[in-house]
Amino acid sequence: MSKAKNTLILVFLVLAAIVLSALVGTLTKDIGFLKWLTWGESIGFDLGRLDLAIIDLSFSFHMQVNVLQVLFIAAALLLYKKVR
């Protein structure tokens, strides 16, 4: 397979893992013994804010990671290794 095709497959698998983990997380957040799967932390930083009365522009990056996302992305990487 070509390098571009491999990269496209990897990106698709990782994005699919993120979407599926969000879906499963939403479905399991109210189930007591599966609540730990949605535990996570938010990381990020704020670079600044520009408020011009009409436009409010802020520069920041925030990302929330939970257990399900880590598990699904790991599974996607293993699947990629098998597919490649």
Protein backbone atom coordinates (compact mmCIF):
# COMPACT_ATOMS: atom_id res chain seq x y z
CA MET A 1 0.00 0.00 0.00
CA SER A 2 1.08 3.54 -0.55
CA LYS A 3 2.16 5.77 2.29
CA ALA A 4 -0.73 8.19 1.70
CA LYS A 5 -3.25 5.35 1.89
CA ASN A 6 -1.71 4.09 5.15
CA THR A 7 -1.89 7.57 6.63
CA LEU A 8 -5.52 7.94 5.57
CA ILE A 9 -6.42 4.60 7.17
CA LEU A 10 -4.68 5.61 10.41
CA VAL A 11 -6.45 8.98 10.56
CA PHE A 12 -9.81 7.33 9.87
CA LEU A 13 -9.30 4.69 12.57
CA VAL A 14 -8.25 7.24 15.19
CA LEU A 15 -11.16 9.57 14.37
CA ALA A 16 -13.58 6.63 14.44
CA ALA A 17 -12.19 5.62 17.83
CA ILE A 18 -12.74 9.12 19.21
CA VAL A 19 -16.32 9.27 17.92
CA LEU A 20 -17.13 5.77 19.20
CA SER A 21 -15.62 6.51 22.60
CA ALA A 22 -17.80 9.63 22.87
CA LEU A 23 -20.89 7.57 21.98
CA VAL A 24 -20.08 4.77 24.42
CA GLY A 25 -19.20 7.33 27.10
CA THR A 26 -22.57 9.01 26.70
CA LEU A 27 -24.34 5.66 26.93
CA THR A 28 -22.43 4.46 30.00
CA LYS A 29 -22.20 7.65 32.09
CA ASP A 30 -25.32 6.79 34.12
CA ILE A 31 -24.48 3.10 34.67
CA GLY A 32 -22.90 2.75 38.09
CA PHE A 33 -20.30 0.05 37.48
CA LEU A 34 -19.24 1.57 34.12
CA LYS A 35 -18.98 5.17 35.33
CA TRP A 36 -15.20 4.82 35.74
CA LEU A 37 -14.85 4.60 31.95
CA THR A 38 -15.85 8.26 31.62
CA TRP A 39 -13.37 9.50 34.24
CA GLY A 40 -10.91 11.92 32.73
CA GLU A 41 -9.01 15.14 33.03
CA SER A 42 -8.92 18.32 31.01
CA ILE A 43 -5.60 19.77 29.95
CA GLY A 44 -4.86 22.94 28.07
CA PHE A 45 -3.63 26.49 28.09
CA ASP A 46 -4.86 30.01 27.38
CA LEU A 47 -2.66 32.31 25.33
CA GLY A 48 -4.69 35.45 25.55
CA ARG A 49 -7.88 37.30 24.87
CA LEU A 50 -8.64 40.27 22.67
CA ASP A 51 -11.92 42.09 23.41
CA LEU A 52 -12.82 44.80 20.92
CA ALA A 53 -16.42 45.30 22.10
CA ILE A 54 -17.74 43.94 18.79
CA ILE A 55 -15.42 40.97 18.50
CA ASP A 56 -14.19 38.84 21.38
CA LEU A 57 -11.23 36.75 20.24
CA SER A 58 -9.47 34.27 22.50
CA PHE A 59 -6.51 32.03 21.81
CA SER A 60 -6.55 28.79 23.76
CA PHE A 61 -6.22 25.03 23.49
CA HIS A 62 -8.11 22.60 25.72
CA MET A 63 -8.45 18.87 25.45
CA GLN A 64 -10.35 16.45 27.65
CA VAL A 65 -9.09 12.87 27.80
CA ASN A 66 -10.95 10.01 29.44
CA VAL A 67 -10.38 6.29 29.96
CA LEU A 68 -12.62 5.25 27.06
CA GLN A 69 -10.74 7.44 24.61
CA VAL A 70 -7.42 5.95 25.64
CA LEU A 71 -8.79 2.39 25.30
CA PHE A 72 -10.45 3.02 21.93
CA ILE A 73 -7.43 4.80 20.46
CA ALA A 74 -5.16 1.96 21.63
CA ALA A 75 -7.53 -0.52 19.97
CA ALA A 76 -7.51 1.57 16.77
CA LEU A 77 -3.71 1.57 16.71
CA LEU A 78 -3.64 -2.21 17.19
CA LEU A 79 -6.19 -2.62 14.41
CA TYR A 80 -4.10 -0.37 12.17
CA LYS A 81 -1.07 -2.54 12.84
CA LYS A 82 -3.06 -5.62 11.76
CA VAL A 83 -4.56 -3.93 8.69
CA ARG A 84 -1.28 -2.41 7.52
